[in-house]
Amino acid sequence: MFDLKSFLLEKQDLVNTALNKCIHQEHCLAPRIVSAMHHSIMAGGKRLRPILCLSAYNIVGGKEDKYIINT
């Protein structure tokens, strides 16, 4: 049986990790800007759309290791 809750949590962790890496690669930005970006992007409730996009990509044959850069 498909467990939606665990699927969403797993994919949410994947998206969070990728976003966190992207934010902290911006070495040219002031630390205050990076902190504000982190606060805004890592706020809850912003993961369903990326998870749906990633799932659609998988359905049409996309490979999971290709859709998230730098993970």
Protein backbone atom coordinates (compact mmCIF):
# COMPACT_ATOMS: atom_id res chain seq x y z
CA MET A 1 0.00 0.00 0.00
CA PHE A 2 1.28 3.45 -0.92
CA ASP A 3 2.12 5.63 2.09
CA LEU A 4 1.60 9.22 0.93
CA LYS A 5 2.81 10.78 4.17
CA SER A 6 6.20 9.04 4.10
CA PHE A 7 6.55 9.74 0.36
CA LEU A 8 5.94 13.45 0.89
CA LEU A 9 8.36 13.58 3.83
CA GLU A 10 11.07 11.82 1.83
CA LYS A 11 10.69 14.17 -1.14
CA GLN A 12 10.43 17.19 1.15
CA ASP A 13 13.81 16.29 2.64
CA LEU A 14 15.27 16.00 -0.86
CA VAL A 15 13.94 19.44 -1.87
CA ASN A 16 15.05 21.02 1.43
CA THR A 17 18.57 19.66 1.05
CA ALA A 18 18.87 20.98 -2.50
CA LEU A 19 17.51 24.42 -1.56
CA ASN A 20 19.79 24.66 1.44
CA LYS A 21 22.84 23.86 -0.69
CA CYS A 22 21.84 26.42 -3.32
CA ILE A 23 21.35 29.18 -0.77
CA HIS A 24 24.70 28.61 0.90
CA GLN A 25 26.62 28.55 -2.38
CA GLU A 26 25.99 32.27 -2.81
CA HIS A 27 29.31 33.37 -1.29
CA CYS A 28 29.23 36.74 -3.00
CA LEU A 29 26.16 37.85 -1.05
CA ALA A 30 26.22 39.52 2.33
CA PRO A 31 25.52 37.13 5.22
CA ARG A 32 22.39 39.10 6.10
CA ILE A 33 20.98 38.56 2.59
CA VAL A 34 21.76 34.83 2.74
CA SER A 35 20.07 34.63 6.14
CA ALA A 36 16.96 36.38 4.79
CA MET A 37 16.87 34.07 1.77
CA HIS A 38 17.20 31.04 4.03
CA HIS A 39 14.40 32.24 6.30
CA SER A 40 12.07 32.87 3.36
CA ILE A 41 12.79 29.75 1.33
CA MET A 42 12.93 27.29 4.22
CA ALA A 43 9.58 28.40 5.64
CA GLY A 44 7.01 25.63 5.69
CA GLY A 45 4.25 25.09 3.16
CA LYS A 46 6.32 25.55 0.03
CA ARG A 47 7.15 21.98 -0.94
CA LEU A 48 4.05 20.47 -2.54
CA ARG A 49 4.54 22.10 -5.96
CA PRO A 50 8.19 20.99 -6.32
CA ILE A 51 7.24 17.48 -5.16
CA LEU A 52 4.47 17.32 -7.77
CA CYS A 53 6.86 18.50 -10.49
CA LEU A 54 9.49 15.95 -9.49
CA SER A 55 6.87 13.19 -9.39
CA ALA A 56 5.62 14.10 -12.87
CA TYR A 57 9.20 14.01 -14.12
CA ASN A 58 9.58 10.50 -12.68
CA ILE A 59 6.34 9.35 -14.30
CA VAL A 60 7.56 10.29 -17.78
CA GLY A 61 10.82 8.43 -17.27
CA GLY A 62 13.08 11.01 -15.66
CA LYS A 63 15.81 9.79 -13.36
CA GLU A 64 15.83 11.09 -9.79
CA ASP A 65 19.57 11.79 -9.77
CA LYS A 66 19.13 14.18 -12.72
CA TYR A 67 16.46 16.57 -11.45
CA ILE A 68 18.11 18.01 -8.40
CA ILE A 69 21.42 19.72 -9.00
CA ASN A 70 24.16 19.61 -6.37
CA THR A 71 22.63 17.06 -4.04
